[in-house]
Amino acid sequence: MPGAAPSRACRSARSRTYNTQGEQATSGLLDAASLCALPPEAALERLQGPPGIGPFGAELILLRGAGEPDRLPTHAPRLARAGALAFLW
């Protein structure tokens, strides 16, 4: 039903997800410097550790939040295709 409030269980799960993400961020696990020190695949794996961050979100965090300049998100097929065409990969 559009516009309906989320159920209590849904709000509770979302709240746990945000709390977990917040704890990991404040502990330094998601710190930009520590992510940049890792190989990109290891950084993506670490980013996907918290619930609620999937492959596409992890790539965007690595690109924008940690400043990994030499990547295109592979989980955004249209963007990857545009990059391939632009750079003749």
PDB file of N, CA and C in Angstrom:
ATOM      1  N   MET A   1       0.841  -1.166   0.000  1.00  0.00           N
ATOM      2  CA  MET A   1       0.000   0.000   0.000  1.00  0.00           C
ATOM      3  C   MET A   1       0.897   1.244   0.000  1.00  0.00           C
ATOM      4  N   PRO A   2       0.835   2.063  -1.048  1.00  0.00           N
ATOM      5  CA  PRO A   2       1.671   3.257  -1.118  1.00  0.00           C
ATOM      6  C   PRO A   2       1.404   4.204   0.050  1.00  0.00           C
ATOM      7  N   GLY A   3       2.478   4.731   0.584  1.00  0.00           N
ATOM      8  CA  GLY A   3       2.348   5.699   1.659  1.00  0.00           C
ATOM      9  C   GLY A   3       2.119   5.093   3.020  1.00  0.00           C
ATOM     10  N   ALA A   4       2.024   3.769   3.092  1.00  0.00           N
ATOM     11  CA  ALA A   4       1.794   3.122   4.390  1.00  0.00           C
ATOM     12  C   ALA A   4       3.068   3.157   5.209  1.00  0.00           C
ATOM     13  N   ALA A   5       2.925   3.283   6.500  1.00  0.00           N
ATOM     14  CA  ALA A   5       4.073   3.286   7.394  1.00  0.00           C
ATOM     15  C   ALA A   5       4.672   1.885   7.457  1.00  0.00           C
ATOM     16  N   PRO A   6       6.002   1.775   7.553  1.00  0.00           N
ATOM     17  CA  PRO A   6       6.605   0.455   7.644  1.00  0.00           C
ATOM     18  C   PRO A   6       6.213  -0.234   8.947  1.00  0.00           C
ATOM     19  N   SER A   7       6.167  -1.536   8.913  1.00  0.00           N
ATOM     20  CA  SER A   7       5.797  -2.296  10.108  1.00  0.00           C
ATOM     21  C   SER A   7       6.853  -2.119  11.194  1.00  0.00           C
ATOM     22  N   ARG A   8       6.487  -2.451  12.407  1.00  0.00           N
ATOM     23  CA  ARG A   8       7.420  -2.350  13.535  1.00  0.00           C
ATOM     24  C   ARG A   8       8.632  -3.246  13.301  1.00  0.00           C
ATOM     25  N   ALA A   9       8.410  -4.446  12.762  1.00  0.00           N
ATOM     26  CA  ALA A   9       9.516  -5.374  12.503  1.00  0.00           C
ATOM     27  C   ALA A   9      10.477  -4.795  11.472  1.00  0.00           C
ATOM     28  N   CYS A  10       9.930  -4.163  10.443  1.00  0.00           N
ATOM     29  CA  CYS A  10      10.759  -3.555   9.408  1.00  0.00           C
ATOM     30  C   CYS A  10      11.585  -2.410   9.992  1.00  0.00           C
ATOM     31  N   ARG A  11      10.943  -1.570  10.797  1.00  0.00           N
ATOM     32  CA  ARG A  11      11.670  -0.459  11.423  1.00  0.00           C
ATOM     33  C   ARG A  11      12.757  -0.978  12.341  1.00  0.00           C
ATOM     34  N   SER A  12      12.471  -2.060  13.054  1.00  0.00           N
ATOM     35  CA  SER A  12      13.438  -2.637  13.972  1.00  0.00           C
ATOM     36  C   SER A  12      14.649  -3.189  13.211  1.00  0.00           C
ATOM     37  N   ALA A  13      14.418  -3.895  12.116  1.00  0.00           N
ATOM     38  CA  ALA A  13      15.511  -4.442  11.307  1.00  0.00           C
ATOM     39  C   ALA A  13      16.345  -3.318  10.707  1.00  0.00           C
ATOM     40  N   ARG A  14      15.683  -2.292  10.208  1.00  0.00           N
ATOM     41  CA  ARG A  14      16.386  -1.146   9.629  1.00  0.00           C
ATOM     42  C   ARG A  14      17.224  -0.446  10.696  1.00  0.00           C
ATOM     43  N   SER A  15      16.669  -0.322  11.873  1.00  0.00           N
ATOM     44  CA  SER A  15      17.381   0.310  12.978  1.00  0.00           C
ATOM     45  C   SER A  15      18.633  -0.489  13.337  1.00  0.00           C
ATOM     46  N   ARG A  16      18.523  -1.819  13.398  1.00  0.00           N
ATOM     47  CA  ARG A  16      19.694  -2.655  13.687  1.00  0.00           C
ATOM     48  C   ARG A  16      20.750  -2.501  12.602  1.00  0.00           C
ATOM     49  N   THR A  17      20.310  -2.435  11.342  1.00  0.00           N
ATOM     50  CA  THR A  17      21.247  -2.257  10.233  1.00  0.00           C
ATOM     51  C   THR A  17      21.998  -0.947  10.381  1.00  0.00           C
ATOM     52  N   TYR A  18      21.292   0.138  10.620  1.00  0.00           N
ATOM     53  CA  TYR A  18      21.943   1.440  10.775  1.00  0.00           C
ATOM     54  C   TYR A  18      22.877   1.456  11.974  1.00  0.00           C
ATOM     55  N   ASN A  19      22.474   0.817  13.075  1.00  0.00           N
ATOM     56  CA  ASN A  19      23.336   0.765  14.255  1.00  0.00           C
ATOM     57  C   ASN A  19      24.624   0.013  13.959  1.00  0.00           C
ATOM     58  N   THR A  20      24.511  -1.114  13.265  1.00  0.00           N
ATOM     59  CA  THR A  20      25.696  -1.899  12.919  1.00  0.00           C
ATOM     60  C   THR A  20      26.622  -1.107  12.011  1.00  0.00           C
ATOM     61  N   GLN A  21      26.053  -0.447  11.010  1.00  0.00           N
ATOM     62  CA  GLN A  21      26.867   0.360  10.107  1.00  0.00           C
ATOM     63  C   GLN A  21      27.557   1.491  10.859  1.00  0.00           C
ATOM     64  N   GLY A  22      26.840   2.128  11.751  1.00  0.00           N
ATOM     65  CA  GLY A  22      27.409   3.209  12.538  1.00  0.00           C
ATOM     66  C   GLY A  22      28.544   2.741  13.432  1.00  0.00           C
ATOM     67  N   GLU A  23      28.356   1.588  14.068  1.00  0.00           N
ATOM     68  CA  GLU A  23      29.404   1.027  14.924  1.00  0.00           C
ATOM     69  C   GLU A  23      30.660   0.714  14.116  1.00  0.00           C
ATOM     70  N   GLN A  24      30.487   0.142  12.939  1.00  0.00           N
ATOM     71  CA  GLN A  24      31.652  -0.190  12.124  1.00  0.00           C
ATOM     72  C   GLN A  24      32.338   1.069  11.604  1.00  0.00           C
ATOM     73  N   ALA A  25      31.560   2.071  11.287  1.00  0.00           N
ATOM     74  CA  ALA A  25      32.158   3.326  10.811  1.00  0.00           C
ATOM     75  C   ALA A  25      32.956   4.004  11.915  1.00  0.00           C
ATOM     76  N   THR A  26      32.416   4.047  13.118  1.00  0.00           N
ATOM     77  CA  THR A  26      33.122   4.728  14.208  1.00  0.00           C
ATOM     78  C   THR A  26      34.293   3.905  14.739  1.00  0.00           C
ATOM     79  N   SER A  27      34.297   2.603  14.495  1.00  0.00           N
ATOM     80  CA  SER A  27      35.415   1.771  14.952  1.00  0.00           C
ATOM     81  C   SER A  27      36.623   1.882  14.029  1.00  0.00           C
ATOM     82  N   GLY A  28      36.456   2.497  12.859  1.00  0.00           N
ATOM     83  CA  GLY A  28      37.557   2.643  11.916  1.00  0.00           C
ATOM     84  C   GLY A  28      37.566   1.599  10.818  1.00  0.00           C
ATOM     85  N   LEU A  29      36.679   0.605  10.887  1.00  0.00           N
ATOM     86  CA  LEU A  29      36.652  -0.425   9.843  1.00  0.00           C
ATOM     87  C   LEU A  29      36.309   0.146   8.472  1.00  0.00           C
ATOM     88  N   LEU A  30      35.548   1.227   8.460  1.00  0.00           N
ATOM     89  CA  LEU A  30      35.125   1.818   7.192  1.00  0.00           C
ATOM     90  C   LEU A  30      35.824   3.144   6.930  1.00  0.00           C
ATOM     91  N   ASP A  31      36.933   3.375   7.608  1.00  0.00           N
ATOM     92  CA  ASP A  31      37.706   4.601   7.457  1.00  0.00           C
ATOM     93  C   ASP A  31      38.318   4.671   6.053  1.00  0.00           C
ATOM     94  N   ALA A  32      38.278   5.839   5.433  1.00  0.00           N
ATOM     95  CA  ALA A  32      38.772   5.993   4.059  1.00  0.00           C
ATOM     96  C   ALA A  32      40.237   5.589   3.947  1.00  0.00           C
ATOM     97  N   ALA A  33      41.072   5.985   4.890  1.00  0.00           N
ATOM     98  CA  ALA A  33      42.504   5.658   4.807  1.00  0.00           C
ATOM     99  C   ALA A  33      42.732   4.149   4.888  1.00  0.00           C
ATOM    100  N   SER A  34      42.004   3.472   5.785  1.00  0.00           N
ATOM    101  CA  SER A  34      42.190   2.023   5.901  1.00  0.00           C
ATOM    102  C   SER A  34      41.651   1.301   4.674  1.00  0.00           C
ATOM    103  N   LEU A  35      40.572   1.815   4.088  1.00  0.00           N
ATOM    104  CA  LEU A  35      40.040   1.201   2.868  1.00  0.00           C
ATOM    105  C   LEU A  35      40.994   1.388   1.700  1.00  0.00           C
ATOM    106  N   CYS A  36      41.597   2.571   1.590  1.00  0.00           N
ATOM    107  CA  CYS A  36      42.527   2.840   0.488  1.00  0.00           C
ATOM    108  C   CYS A  36      43.816   2.032   0.620  1.00  0.00           C
ATOM    109  N   ALA A  37      44.168   1.636   1.841  1.00  0.00           N
ATOM    110  CA  ALA A  37      45.381   0.851   2.055  1.00  0.00           C
ATOM    111  C   ALA A  37      45.206  -0.601   1.615  1.00  0.00           C
ATOM    112  N   LEU A  38      43.960  -1.021   1.451  1.00  0.00           N
ATOM    113  CA  LEU A  38      43.671  -2.402   1.045  1.00  0.00           C
ATOM    114  C   LEU A  38      43.617  -2.523  -0.471  1.00  0.00           C
ATOM    115  N   PRO A  39      43.862  -3.716  -1.001  1.00  0.00           N
ATOM    116  CA  PRO A  39      43.573  -3.939  -2.423  1.00  0.00           C
ATOM    117  C   PRO A  39      42.077  -3.705  -2.648  1.00  0.00           C
ATOM    118  N   PRO A  40      41.687  -3.203  -3.814  1.00  0.00           N
ATOM    119  CA  PRO A  40      40.272  -2.862  -4.050  1.00  0.00           C
ATOM    120  C   PRO A  40      39.294  -3.985  -3.728  1.00  0.00           C
ATOM    121  N   GLU A  41      39.610  -5.218  -4.083  1.00  0.00           N
ATOM    122  CA  GLU A  41      38.672  -6.316  -3.813  1.00  0.00           C
ATOM    123  C   GLU A  41      38.502  -6.554  -2.320  1.00  0.00           C
ATOM    124  N   ALA A  42      39.584  -6.414  -1.559  1.00  0.00           N
ATOM    125  CA  ALA A  42      39.497  -6.580  -0.100  1.00  0.00           C
ATOM    126  C   ALA A  42      38.692  -5.439   0.514  1.00  0.00           C
ATOM    127  N   ALA A  43      38.866  -4.234  -0.017  1.00  0.00           N
ATOM    128  CA  ALA A  43      38.092  -3.087   0.478  1.00  0.00           C
ATOM    129  C   ALA A  43      36.610  -3.277   0.198  1.00  0.00           C
ATOM    130  N   LEU A  44      36.278  -3.777  -0.994  1.00  0.00           N
ATOM    131  CA  LEU A  44      34.874  -4.038  -1.324  1.00  0.00           C
ATOM    132  C   LEU A  44      34.289  -5.101  -0.415  1.00  0.00           C
ATOM    133  N   GLU A  45      35.073  -6.122  -0.120  1.00  0.00           N
ATOM    134  CA  GLU A  45      34.600  -7.177   0.774  1.00  0.00           C
ATOM    135  C   GLU A  45      34.339  -6.621   2.171  1.00  0.00           C
ATOM    136  N   ARG A  46      35.232  -5.762   2.654  1.00  0.00           N
ATOM    137  CA  ARG A  46      35.042  -5.162   3.979  1.00  0.00           C
ATOM    138  C   ARG A  46      33.796  -4.280   3.989  1.00  0.00           C
ATOM    139  N   LEU A  47      33.598  -3.522   2.922  1.00  0.00           N
ATOM    140  CA  LEU A  47      32.434  -2.637   2.860  1.00  0.00           C
ATOM    141  C   LEU A  47      31.121  -3.411   2.847  1.00  0.00           C
ATOM    142  N   GLN A  48      31.132  -4.604   2.280  1.00  0.00           N
ATOM    143  CA  GLN A  48      29.909  -5.399   2.218  1.00  0.00           C
ATOM    144  C   GLN A  48      29.672  -6.206   3.484  1.00  0.00           C
ATOM    145  N   GLY A  49      30.566  -6.092   4.458  1.00  0.00           N
ATOM    146  CA  GLY A  49      30.410  -6.811   5.714  1.00  0.00           C
ATOM    147  C   GLY A  49      29.172  -6.395   6.490  1.00  0.00           C
ATOM    148  N   PRO A  50      28.960  -5.089   6.681  1.00  0.00           N
ATOM    149  CA  PRO A  50      27.765  -4.680   7.435  1.00  0.00           C
ATOM    150  C   PRO A  50      26.494  -5.019   6.671  1.00  0.00           C
ATOM    151  N   PRO A  51      25.441  -5.386   7.370  1.00  0.00           N
ATOM    152  CA  PRO A  51      24.179  -5.616   6.670  1.00  0.00           C
ATOM    153  C   PRO A  51      23.689  -4.327   6.032  1.00  0.00           C
ATOM    154  N   GLY A  52      23.100  -4.448   4.874  1.00  0.00           N
ATOM    155  CA  GLY A  52      22.526  -3.288   4.209  1.00  0.00           C
ATOM    156  C   GLY A  52      23.418  -2.649   3.173  1.00  0.00           C
ATOM    157  N   ILE A  53      24.680  -3.073   3.071  1.00  0.00           N
ATOM    158  CA  ILE A  53      25.564  -2.539   2.037  1.00  0.00           C
ATOM    159  C   ILE A  53      25.844  -3.679   1.065  1.00  0.00           C
ATOM    160  N   GLY A  54      25.334  -3.531  -0.146  1.00  0.00           N
ATOM    161  CA  GLY A  54      25.517  -4.548  -1.171  1.00  0.00           C
ATOM    162  C   GLY A  54      26.647  -4.190  -2.111  1.00  0.00           C
ATOM    163  N   PRO A  55      26.799  -4.954  -3.185  1.00  0.00           N
ATOM    164  CA  PRO A  55      27.902  -4.733  -4.116  1.00  0.00           C
ATOM    165  C   PRO A  55      27.906  -3.336  -4.736  1.00  0.00           C
ATOM    166  N   PHE A  56      26.750  -2.857  -5.178  1.00  0.00           N
ATOM    167  CA  PHE A  56      26.699  -1.539  -5.813  1.00  0.00           C
ATOM    168  C   PHE A  56      27.018  -0.434  -4.803  1.00  0.00           C
ATOM    169  N   GLY A  57      26.429  -0.512  -3.626  1.00  0.00           N
ATOM    170  CA  GLY A  57      26.699   0.491  -2.591  1.00  0.00           C
ATOM    171  C   GLY A  57      28.148   0.488  -2.169  1.00  0.00           C
ATOM    172  N   ALA A  58      28.736  -0.699  -2.047  1.00  0.00           N
ATOM    173  CA  ALA A  58      30.148  -0.802  -1.669  1.00  0.00           C
ATOM    174  C   ALA A  58      31.038  -0.131  -2.707  1.00  0.00           C
ATOM    175  N   GLU A  59      30.731  -0.347  -3.975  1.00  0.00           N
ATOM    176  CA  GLU A  59      31.522   0.295  -5.030  1.00  0.00           C
ATOM    177  C   GLU A  59      31.413   1.808  -4.967  1.00  0.00           C
ATOM    178  N   LEU A  60      30.224   2.322  -4.745  1.00  0.00           N
ATOM    179  CA  LEU A  60      30.065   3.773  -4.667  1.00  0.00           C
ATOM    180  C   LEU A  60      30.788   4.350  -3.459  1.00  0.00           C
ATOM    181  N   ILE A  61      30.728   3.653  -2.330  1.00  0.00           N
ATOM    182  CA  ILE A  61      31.450   4.125  -1.148  1.00  0.00           C
ATOM    183  C   ILE A  61      32.948   4.145  -1.424  1.00  0.00           C
ATOM    184  N   LEU A  62      33.463   3.088  -2.054  1.00  0.00           N
ATOM    185  CA  LEU A  62      34.885   3.030  -2.353  1.00  0.00           C
ATOM    186  C   LEU A  62      35.285   4.138  -3.325  1.00  0.00           C
ATOM    187  N   LEU A  63      34.469   4.373  -4.325  1.00  0.00           N
ATOM    188  CA  LEU A  63      34.788   5.396  -5.320  1.00  0.00           C
ATOM    189  C   LEU A  63      34.697   6.812  -4.758  1.00  0.00           C
ATOM    190  N   ARG A  64      33.596   7.104  -4.112  1.00  0.00           N
ATOM    191  CA  ARG A  64      33.350   8.475  -3.665  1.00  0.00           C
ATOM    192  C   ARG A  64      33.861   8.744  -2.256  1.00  0.00           C
ATOM    193  N   GLY A  65      33.632   7.805  -1.348  1.00  0.00           N
ATOM    194  CA  GLY A  65      33.999   8.028   0.038  1.00  0.00           C
ATOM    195  C   GLY A  65      35.468   7.809   0.317  1.00  0.00           C
ATOM    196  N   ALA A  66      36.058   6.813  -0.350  1.00  0.00           N
ATOM    197  CA  ALA A  66      37.463   6.504  -0.099  1.00  0.00           C
ATOM    198  C   ALA A  66      38.360   7.039  -1.207  1.00  0.00           C
ATOM    199  N   GLY A  67      37.772   7.588  -2.251  1.00  0.00           N
ATOM    200  CA  GLY A  67      38.555   8.229  -3.301  1.00  0.00           C
ATOM    201  C   GLY A  67      39.369   7.275  -4.160  1.00  0.00           C
ATOM    202  N   GLU A  68      38.811   6.138  -4.504  1.00  0.00           N
ATOM    203  CA  GLU A  68      39.479   5.194  -5.403  1.00  0.00           C
ATOM    204  C   GLU A  68      39.200   5.652  -6.838  1.00  0.00           C
ATOM    205  N   PRO A  69      40.152   6.353  -7.457  1.00  0.00           N
ATOM    206  CA  PRO A  69      39.859   7.014  -8.743  1.00  0.00           C
ATOM    207  C   PRO A  69      39.893   6.113  -9.975  1.00  0.00           C
ATOM    208  N   ASP A  70      40.488   4.943  -9.868  1.00  0.00           N
ATOM    209  CA  ASP A  70      40.722   4.143 -11.059  1.00  0.00           C
ATOM    210  C   ASP A  70      39.734   2.994 -11.241  1.00  0.00           C
ATOM    211  N   ARG A  71      38.507   3.215 -10.835  1.00  0.00           N
ATOM    212  CA  ARG A  71      37.480   2.178 -10.967  1.00  0.00           C
ATOM    213  C   ARG A  71      36.186   2.773 -11.499  1.00  0.00           C
ATOM    214  N   LEU A  72      35.428   1.932 -12.148  1.00  0.00           N
ATOM    215  CA  LEU A  72      34.037   2.228 -12.473  1.00  0.00           C
ATOM    216  C   LEU A  72      33.200   1.172 -11.774  1.00  0.00           C
ATOM    217  N   PRO A  73      32.021   1.527 -11.302  1.00  0.00           N
ATOM    218  CA  PRO A  73      31.178   0.511 -10.665  1.00  0.00           C
ATOM    219  C   PRO A  73      30.804  -0.580 -11.672  1.00  0.00           C
ATOM    220  N   THR A  74      31.105  -1.815 -11.335  1.00  0.00           N
ATOM    221  CA  THR A  74      30.762  -2.925 -12.233  1.00  0.00           C
ATOM    222  C   THR A  74      29.332  -3.384 -12.031  1.00  0.00           C
ATOM    223  N   HIS A  75      28.710  -2.964 -10.939  1.00  0.00           N
ATOM    224  CA  HIS A  75      27.330  -3.350 -10.672  1.00  0.00           C
ATOM    225  C   HIS A  75      26.338  -2.324 -11.214  1.00  0.00           C
ATOM    226  N   ALA A  76      26.818  -1.426 -12.037  1.00  0.00           N
ATOM    227  CA  ALA A  76      25.969  -0.479 -12.758  1.00  0.00           C
ATOM    228  C   ALA A  76      26.264  -0.693 -14.245  1.00  0.00           C
ATOM    229  N   PRO A  77      25.611  -1.673 -14.864  1.00  0.00           N
ATOM    230  CA  PRO A  77      25.971  -2.069 -16.230  1.00  0.00           C
ATOM    231  C   PRO A  77      25.979  -0.926 -17.242  1.00  0.00           C
ATOM    232  N   ARG A  78      25.016  -0.022 -17.147  1.00  0.00           N
ATOM    233  CA  ARG A  78      24.993   1.079 -18.126  1.00  0.00           C
ATOM    234  C   ARG A  78      26.185   2.001 -17.952  1.00  0.00           C
ATOM    235  N   LEU A  79      26.578   2.260 -16.714  1.00  0.00           N
ATOM    236  CA  LEU A  79      27.734   3.115 -16.462  1.00  0.00           C
ATOM    237  C   LEU A  79      29.023   2.436 -16.920  1.00  0.00           C
ATOM    238  N   ALA A  80      29.145   1.153 -16.646  1.00  0.00           N
ATOM    239  CA  ALA A  80      30.318   0.405 -17.090  1.00  0.00           C
ATOM    240  C   ALA A  80      30.404   0.410 -18.617  1.00  0.00           C
ATOM    241  N   ARG A  81      29.274   0.245 -19.272  1.00  0.00           N
ATOM    242  CA  ARG A  81      29.255   0.260 -20.744  1.00  0.00           C
ATOM    243  C   ARG A  81      29.634   1.642 -21.262  1.00  0.00           C
ATOM    244  N   ALA A  82      29.110   2.691 -20.655  1.00  0.00           N
ATOM    245  CA  ALA A  82      29.451   4.050 -21.074  1.00  0.00           C
ATOM    246  C   ALA A  82      30.941   4.317 -20.887  1.00  0.00           C
ATOM    247  N   GLY A  83      31.499   3.848 -19.777  1.00  0.00           N
ATOM    248  CA  GLY A  83      32.932   4.014 -19.545  1.00  0.00           C
ATOM    249  C   GLY A  83      33.755   3.253 -20.571  1.00  0.00           C
ATOM    250  N   ALA A  84      33.313   2.052 -20.886  1.00  0.00           N
ATOM    251  CA  ALA A  84      34.025   1.248 -21.882  1.00  0.00           C
ATOM    252  C   ALA A  84      33.996   1.938 -23.248  1.00  0.00           C
ATOM    253  N   LEU A  85      32.861   2.495 -23.611  1.00  0.00           N
ATOM    254  CA  LEU A  85      32.773   3.194 -24.893  1.00  0.00           C
ATOM    255  C   LEU A  85      33.603   4.476 -24.892  1.00  0.00           C
ATOM    256  N   ALA A  86      33.581   5.181 -23.783  1.00  0.00           N
ATOM    257  CA  ALA A  86      34.315   6.446 -23.701  1.00  0.00           C
ATOM    258  C   ALA A  86      35.830   6.226 -23.749  1.00  0.00           C
ATOM    259  N   PHE A  87      36.277   5.140 -23.137  1.00  0.00           N
ATOM    260  CA  PHE A  87      37.707   4.907 -23.050  1.00  0.00           C
ATOM    261  C   PHE A  87      38.185   3.783 -23.973  1.00  0.00           C
ATOM    262  N   LEU A  88      37.287   3.294 -24.825  1.00  0.00           N
ATOM    263  CA  LEU A  88      37.587   2.253 -25.817  1.00  0.00           C
ATOM    264  C   LEU A  88      38.230   1.020 -25.200  1.00  0.00           C
ATOM    265  N   TRP A  89      37.596   0.496 -24.133  1.00  0.00           N
ATOM    266  CA  TRP A  89      38.110  -0.732 -23.483  1.00  0.00           C
ATOM    267  C   TRP A  89      37.710  -1.926 -24.289  1.00  0.00           C
TER     268      TRP A  89
END
